[in-house]
Amino acid sequence: MKLLLNTHTFLWFIGGNINLSNTAKNAIENASNQRFLSIATIWEICIKVSIEKLKVGLAFTELVEREAMEMQ
């Protein structure tokens, strides 16, 4: 199955947020599924971090390298 994660789903997944359902979490973790992020998600996170509406706990470039690239 191909999964396109939106911004909230991606952030909830990497942050272990309880708002993400077990069904969604299991689907994302299933190695047989292909996971994708749109460039719009990366762009939205970048904007929110730059205007301090979102704190990610690490540099934005690190977030992309560590978390987003693992979605591939």
PDB file of N, CA and C in Angstrom:
ATOM      1  N   MET A   1       0.851  -1.170   0.000  1.00  0.00           N
ATOM      2  CA  MET A   1       0.000   0.000   0.000  1.00  0.00           C
ATOM      3  C   MET A   1       0.901   1.239   0.000  1.00  0.00           C
ATOM      4  N   LYS A   2       0.458   2.271  -0.679  1.00  0.00           N
ATOM      5  CA  LYS A   2       1.181   3.543  -0.696  1.00  0.00           C
ATOM      6  C   LYS A   2       0.509   4.491   0.287  1.00  0.00           C
ATOM      7  N   LEU A   3       1.309   5.105   1.154  1.00  0.00           N
ATOM      8  CA  LEU A   3       0.792   6.028   2.158  1.00  0.00           C
ATOM      9  C   LEU A   3       1.395   7.411   1.955  1.00  0.00           C
ATOM     10  N   LEU A   4       0.551   8.415   1.839  1.00  0.00           N
ATOM     11  CA  LEU A   4       1.001   9.798   1.765  1.00  0.00           C
ATOM     12  C   LEU A   4       0.648  10.443   3.099  1.00  0.00           C
ATOM     13  N   LEU A   5       1.662  10.704   3.911  1.00  0.00           N
ATOM     14  CA  LEU A   5       1.435  11.272   5.237  1.00  0.00           C
ATOM     15  C   LEU A   5       1.306  12.785   5.153  1.00  0.00           C
ATOM     16  N   ASN A   6       0.275  13.322   5.779  1.00  0.00           N
ATOM     17  CA  ASN A   6       0.160  14.776   5.841  1.00  0.00           C
ATOM     18  C   ASN A   6       1.033  15.274   6.988  1.00  0.00           C
ATOM     19  N   THR A   7       1.095  16.565   7.164  1.00  0.00           N
ATOM     20  CA  THR A   7       1.988  17.159   8.156  1.00  0.00           C
ATOM     21  C   THR A   7       1.685  16.669   9.565  1.00  0.00           C
ATOM     22  N   HIS A   8       0.419  16.716   9.963  1.00  0.00           N
ATOM     23  CA  HIS A   8       0.080  16.280  11.317  1.00  0.00           C
ATOM     24  C   HIS A   8       0.396  14.810  11.539  1.00  0.00           C
ATOM     25  N   THR A   9       0.045  13.984  10.588  1.00  0.00           N
ATOM     26  CA  THR A   9       0.306  12.554  10.725  1.00  0.00           C
ATOM     27  C   THR A   9       1.799  12.288  10.870  1.00  0.00           C
ATOM     28  N   PHE A  10       2.599  12.932  10.045  1.00  0.00           N
ATOM     29  CA  PHE A  10       4.046  12.767  10.130  1.00  0.00           C
ATOM     30  C   PHE A  10       4.585  13.216  11.480  1.00  0.00           C
ATOM     31  N   LEU A  11       4.180  14.407  11.917  1.00  0.00           N
ATOM     32  CA  LEU A  11       4.666  14.917  13.201  1.00  0.00           C
ATOM     33  C   LEU A  11       4.177  14.068  14.366  1.00  0.00           C
ATOM     34  N   TRP A  12       2.923  13.620  14.306  1.00  0.00           N
ATOM     35  CA  TRP A  12       2.411  12.755  15.365  1.00  0.00           C
ATOM     36  C   TRP A  12       3.168  11.432  15.391  1.00  0.00           C
ATOM     37  N   PHE A  13       3.484  10.895  14.221  1.00  0.00           N
ATOM     38  CA  PHE A  13       4.196   9.624  14.157  1.00  0.00           C
ATOM     39  C   PHE A  13       5.594   9.749  14.746  1.00  0.00           C
ATOM     40  N   ILE A  14       6.368  10.727  14.305  1.00  0.00           N
ATOM     41  CA  ILE A  14       7.749  10.836  14.796  1.00  0.00           C
ATOM     42  C   ILE A  14       7.802  11.269  16.254  1.00  0.00           C
ATOM     43  N   GLY A  15       6.726  11.929  16.719  1.00  0.00           N
ATOM     44  CA  GLY A  15       6.690  12.376  18.110  1.00  0.00           C
ATOM     45  C   GLY A  15       5.996  11.417  19.059  1.00  0.00           C
ATOM     46  N   GLY A  16       5.446  10.330  18.525  1.00  0.00           N
ATOM     47  CA  GLY A  16       4.743   9.370  19.371  1.00  0.00           C
ATOM     48  C   GLY A  16       3.468   9.932  19.972  1.00  0.00           C
ATOM     49  N   ASN A  17       2.818  10.842  19.265  1.00  0.00           N
ATOM     50  CA  ASN A  17       1.616  11.508  19.773  1.00  0.00           C
ATOM     51  C   ASN A  17       0.437  10.536  19.826  1.00  0.00           C
ATOM     52  N   ILE A  18      -0.336  10.630  20.920  1.00  0.00           N
ATOM     53  CA  ILE A  18      -1.482   9.729  21.098  1.00  0.00           C
ATOM     54  C   ILE A  18      -2.632  10.035  20.147  1.00  0.00           C
ATOM     55  N   ASN A  19      -2.601  11.167  19.464  1.00  0.00           N
ATOM     56  CA  ASN A  19      -3.642  11.496  18.488  1.00  0.00           C
ATOM     57  C   ASN A  19      -3.583  10.599  17.252  1.00  0.00           C
ATOM     58  N   LEU A  20      -2.446   9.952  17.027  1.00  0.00           N
ATOM     59  CA  LEU A  20      -2.311   9.049  15.890  1.00  0.00           C
ATOM     60  C   LEU A  20      -2.907   7.693  16.271  1.00  0.00           C
ATOM     61  N   SER A  21      -3.866   7.241  15.503  1.00  0.00           N
ATOM     62  CA  SER A  21      -4.527   5.977  15.821  1.00  0.00           C
ATOM     63  C   SER A  21      -3.552   4.804  15.689  1.00  0.00           C
ATOM     64  N   ASN A  22      -3.857   3.730  16.378  1.00  0.00           N
ATOM     65  CA  ASN A  22      -3.037   2.521  16.276  1.00  0.00           C
ATOM     66  C   ASN A  22      -3.057   1.980  14.856  1.00  0.00           C
ATOM     67  N   THR A  23      -4.193   2.101  14.174  1.00  0.00           N
ATOM     68  CA  THR A  23      -4.307   1.636  12.792  1.00  0.00           C
ATOM     69  C   THR A  23      -3.327   2.393  11.906  1.00  0.00           C
ATOM     70  N   ALA A  24      -3.300   3.709  12.043  1.00  0.00           N
ATOM     71  CA  ALA A  24      -2.381   4.533  11.242  1.00  0.00           C
ATOM     72  C   ALA A  24      -0.933   4.228  11.601  1.00  0.00           C
ATOM     73  N   LYS A  25      -0.647   4.134  12.884  1.00  0.00           N
ATOM     74  CA  LYS A  25       0.718   3.841  13.348  1.00  0.00           C
ATOM     75  C   LYS A  25       1.202   2.512  12.787  1.00  0.00           C
ATOM     76  N   ASN A  26       0.360   1.498  12.859  1.00  0.00           N
ATOM     77  CA  ASN A  26       0.731   0.182  12.346  1.00  0.00           C
ATOM     78  C   ASN A  26       0.955   0.214  10.838  1.00  0.00           C
ATOM     79  N   ALA A  27       0.122   0.953  10.125  1.00  0.00           N
ATOM     80  CA  ALA A  27       0.280   1.056   8.672  1.00  0.00           C
ATOM     81  C   ALA A  27       1.596   1.745   8.317  1.00  0.00           C
ATOM     82  N   ILE A  28       1.935   2.801   9.043  1.00  0.00           N
ATOM     83  CA  ILE A  28       3.181   3.529   8.787  1.00  0.00           C
ATOM     84  C   ILE A  28       4.387   2.642   9.106  1.00  0.00           C
ATOM     85  N   GLU A  29       4.305   1.876  10.185  1.00  0.00           N
ATOM     86  CA  GLU A  29       5.417   1.029  10.600  1.00  0.00           C
ATOM     87  C   GLU A  29       5.569  -0.234   9.751  1.00  0.00           C
ATOM     88  N   ASN A  30       4.542  -0.603   9.016  1.00  0.00           N
ATOM     89  CA  ASN A  30       4.573  -1.810   8.200  1.00  0.00           C
ATOM     90  C   ASN A  30       5.564  -1.618   7.051  1.00  0.00           C
ATOM     91  N   ALA A  31       6.635  -2.390   7.079  1.00  0.00           N
ATOM     92  CA  ALA A  31       7.711  -2.236   6.096  1.00  0.00           C
ATOM     93  C   ALA A  31       7.272  -2.550   4.665  1.00  0.00           C
ATOM     94  N   SER A  32       6.177  -3.269   4.510  1.00  0.00           N
ATOM     95  CA  SER A  32       5.718  -3.584   3.154  1.00  0.00           C
ATOM     96  C   SER A  32       4.964  -2.413   2.512  1.00  0.00           C
ATOM     97  N   ASN A  33       4.630  -1.398   3.304  1.00  0.00           N
ATOM     98  CA  ASN A  33       3.965  -0.204   2.777  1.00  0.00           C
ATOM     99  C   ASN A  33       5.002   0.821   2.346  1.00  0.00           C
ATOM    100  N   GLN A  34       4.702   1.545   1.276  1.00  0.00           N
ATOM    101  CA  GLN A  34       5.554   2.647   0.846  1.00  0.00           C
ATOM    102  C   GLN A  34       5.032   3.921   1.503  1.00  0.00           C
ATOM    103  N   ARG A  35       5.927   4.671   2.149  1.00  0.00           N
ATOM    104  CA  ARG A  35       5.547   5.908   2.833  1.00  0.00           C
ATOM    105  C   ARG A  35       6.121   7.091   2.081  1.00  0.00           C
ATOM    106  N   PHE A  36       5.277   8.110   1.920  1.00  0.00           N
ATOM    107  CA  PHE A  36       5.684   9.305   1.180  1.00  0.00           C
ATOM    108  C   PHE A  36       5.322  10.556   1.969  1.00  0.00           C
ATOM    109  N   LEU A  37       6.134  11.584   1.778  1.00  0.00           N
ATOM    110  CA  LEU A  37       5.843  12.928   2.280  1.00  0.00           C
ATOM    111  C   LEU A  37       5.863  13.850   1.071  1.00  0.00           C
ATOM    112  N   SER A  38       4.928  14.761   1.030  1.00  0.00           N
ATOM    113  CA  SER A  38       4.965  15.727  -0.061  1.00  0.00           C
ATOM    114  C   SER A  38       5.930  16.841   0.306  1.00  0.00           C
ATOM    115  N   ILE A  39       6.395  17.525  -0.695  1.00  0.00           N
ATOM    116  CA  ILE A  39       7.259  18.673  -0.455  1.00  0.00           C
ATOM    117  C   ILE A  39       6.507  19.734   0.343  1.00  0.00           C
ATOM    118  N   ALA A  40       5.174  19.768   0.198  1.00  0.00           N
ATOM    119  CA  ALA A  40       4.361  20.727   0.952  1.00  0.00           C
ATOM    120  C   ALA A  40       4.459  20.473   2.454  1.00  0.00           C
ATOM    121  N   THR A  41       4.575  19.215   2.852  1.00  0.00           N
ATOM    122  CA  THR A  41       4.727  18.887   4.275  1.00  0.00           C
ATOM    123  C   THR A  41       6.044  19.432   4.799  1.00  0.00           C
ATOM    124  N   ILE A  42       7.121  19.206   4.055  1.00  0.00           N
ATOM    125  CA  ILE A  42       8.432  19.719   4.460  1.00  0.00           C
ATOM    126  C   ILE A  42       8.391  21.242   4.524  1.00  0.00           C
ATOM    127  N   TRP A  43       7.779  21.847   3.533  1.00  0.00           N
ATOM    128  CA  TRP A  43       7.654  23.302   3.468  1.00  0.00           C
ATOM    129  C   TRP A  43       6.864  23.830   4.663  1.00  0.00           C
ATOM    130  N   GLU A  44       5.742  23.189   4.978  1.00  0.00           N
ATOM    131  CA  GLU A  44       4.919  23.628   6.108  1.00  0.00           C
ATOM    132  C   GLU A  44       5.675  23.527   7.431  1.00  0.00           C
ATOM    133  N   ILE A  45       6.395  22.439   7.633  1.00  0.00           N
ATOM    134  CA  ILE A  45       7.183  22.281   8.857  1.00  0.00           C
ATOM    135  C   ILE A  45       8.247  23.362   8.932  1.00  0.00           C
ATOM    136  N   CYS A  46       8.907  23.627   7.823  1.00  0.00           N
ATOM    137  CA  CYS A  46       9.945  24.659   7.777  1.00  0.00           C
ATOM    138  C   CYS A  46       9.388  26.023   8.165  1.00  0.00           C
ATOM    139  N   ILE A  47       8.246  26.370   7.610  1.00  0.00           N
ATOM    140  CA  ILE A  47       7.620  27.658   7.935  1.00  0.00           C
ATOM    141  C   ILE A  47       7.249  27.725   9.408  1.00  0.00           C
ATOM    142  N   LYS A  48       6.610  26.685   9.923  1.00  0.00           N
ATOM    143  CA  LYS A  48       6.178  26.690  11.321  1.00  0.00           C
ATOM    144  C   LYS A  48       7.368  26.764  12.280  1.00  0.00           C
ATOM    145  N   VAL A  49       8.464  26.095  11.936  1.00  0.00           N
ATOM    146  CA  VAL A  49       9.666  26.177  12.767  1.00  0.00           C
ATOM    147  C   VAL A  49      10.246  27.587  12.701  1.00  0.00           C
ATOM    148  N   SER A  50      10.294  28.176  11.511  1.00  0.00           N
ATOM    149  CA  SER A  50      10.910  29.496  11.349  1.00  0.00           C
ATOM    150  C   SER A  50      10.136  30.603  12.057  1.00  0.00           C
ATOM    151  N   ILE A  51       8.812  30.452  12.173  1.00  0.00           N
ATOM    152  CA  ILE A  51       8.020  31.474  12.879  1.00  0.00           C
ATOM    153  C   ILE A  51       7.735  31.060  14.321  1.00  0.00           C
ATOM    154  N   GLU A  52       8.403  30.002  14.738  1.00  0.00           N
ATOM    155  CA  GLU A  52       8.347  29.505  16.119  1.00  0.00           C
ATOM    156  C   GLU A  52       6.951  29.049  16.559  1.00  0.00           C
ATOM    157  N   LYS A  53       6.160  28.545  15.613  1.00  0.00           N
ATOM    158  CA  LYS A  53       4.869  27.939  15.956  1.00  0.00           C
ATOM    159  C   LYS A  53       5.032  26.443  16.212  1.00  0.00           C
ATOM    160  N   LEU A  54       6.218  25.921  15.873  1.00  0.00           N
ATOM    161  CA  LEU A  54       6.502  24.502  16.044  1.00  0.00           C
ATOM    162  C   LEU A  54       7.926  24.344  16.533  1.00  0.00           C
ATOM    163  N   LYS A  55       8.078  23.549  17.558  1.00  0.00           N
ATOM    164  CA  LYS A  55       9.411  23.221  18.062  1.00  0.00           C
ATOM    165  C   LYS A  55       9.623  21.737  17.803  1.00  0.00           C
ATOM    166  N   VAL A  56      10.715  21.415  17.123  1.00  0.00           N
ATOM    167  CA  VAL A  56      10.963  20.023  16.775  1.00  0.00           C
ATOM    168  C   VAL A  56      12.097  19.397  17.569  1.00  0.00           C
ATOM    169  N   GLY A  57      12.775  20.160  18.390  1.00  0.00           N
ATOM    170  CA  GLY A  57      13.802  19.614  19.261  1.00  0.00           C
ATOM    171  C   GLY A  57      15.156  19.360  18.606  1.00  0.00           C
ATOM    172  N   LEU A  58      15.263  19.634  17.320  1.00  0.00           N
ATOM    173  CA  LEU A  58      16.528  19.512  16.619  1.00  0.00           C
ATOM    174  C   LEU A  58      16.489  20.422  15.402  1.00  0.00           C
ATOM    175  N   ALA A  59      17.635  20.623  14.805  1.00  0.00           N
ATOM    176  CA  ALA A  59      17.704  21.499  13.626  1.00  0.00           C
ATOM    177  C   ALA A  59      16.814  20.943  12.524  1.00  0.00           C
ATOM    178  N   PHE A  60      16.206  21.846  11.751  1.00  0.00           N
ATOM    179  CA  PHE A  60      15.301  21.429  10.692  1.00  0.00           C
ATOM    180  C   PHE A  60      15.979  20.479   9.715  1.00  0.00           C
ATOM    181  N   THR A  61      17.210  20.778   9.339  1.00  0.00           N
ATOM    182  CA  THR A  61      17.920  19.908   8.398  1.00  0.00           C
ATOM    183  C   THR A  61      18.136  18.518   8.991  1.00  0.00           C
ATOM    184  N   GLU A  62      18.388  18.474  10.292  1.00  0.00           N
ATOM    185  CA  GLU A  62      18.542  17.180  10.971  1.00  0.00           C
ATOM    186  C   GLU A  62      17.228  16.409  10.963  1.00  0.00           C
ATOM    187  N   LEU A  63      16.134  17.120  11.204  1.00  0.00           N
ATOM    188  CA  LEU A  63      14.815  16.489  11.180  1.00  0.00           C
ATOM    189  C   LEU A  63      14.556  15.852   9.825  1.00  0.00           C
ATOM    190  N   VAL A  64      14.835  16.585   8.771  1.00  0.00           N
ATOM    191  CA  VAL A  64      14.602  16.072   7.423  1.00  0.00           C
ATOM    192  C   VAL A  64      15.496  14.860   7.157  1.00  0.00           C
ATOM    193  N   GLU A  65      16.776  14.990   7.497  1.00  0.00           N
ATOM    194  CA  GLU A  65      17.691  13.883   7.246  1.00  0.00           C
ATOM    195  C   GLU A  65      17.335  12.648   8.055  1.00  0.00           C
ATOM    196  N   ARG A  66      17.047  12.828   9.337  1.00  0.00           N
ATOM    197  CA  ARG A  66      16.817  11.687  10.221  1.00  0.00           C
ATOM    198  C   ARG A  66      15.436  11.068  10.073  1.00  0.00           C
ATOM    199  N   GLU A  67      14.414  11.888  10.014  1.00  0.00           N
ATOM    200  CA  GLU A  67      13.052  11.374  10.032  1.00  0.00           C
ATOM    201  C   GLU A  67      12.416  11.275   8.649  1.00  0.00           C
ATOM    202  N   ALA A  68      12.449  12.358   7.902  1.00  0.00           N
ATOM    203  CA  ALA A  68      11.772  12.353   6.607  1.00  0.00           C
ATOM    204  C   ALA A  68      12.421  11.395   5.625  1.00  0.00           C
ATOM    205  N   MET A  69      13.727  11.312   5.615  1.00  0.00           N
ATOM    206  CA  MET A  69      14.398  10.422   4.680  1.00  0.00           C
ATOM    207  C   MET A  69      14.103   8.962   5.002  1.00  0.00           C
ATOM    208  N   GLU A  70      13.788   8.648   6.260  1.00  0.00           N
ATOM    209  CA  GLU A  70      13.419   7.286   6.633  1.00  0.00           C
ATOM    210  C   GLU A  70      12.071   6.893   6.071  1.00  0.00           C
ATOM    211  N   MET A  71      11.261   7.869   5.676  1.00  0.00           N
ATOM    212  CA  MET A  71       9.958   7.582   5.104  1.00  0.00           C
ATOM    213  C   MET A  71      10.097   6.956   3.725  1.00  0.00           C
ATOM    214  N   GLN A  72      11.227   7.161   3.084  1.00  0.00           N
ATOM    215  CA  GLN A  72      11.449   6.638   1.721  1.00  0.00           C
ATOM    216  C   GLN A  72      11.536   5.135   1.716  1.00  0.00           C
TER     217      GLN A  72
END
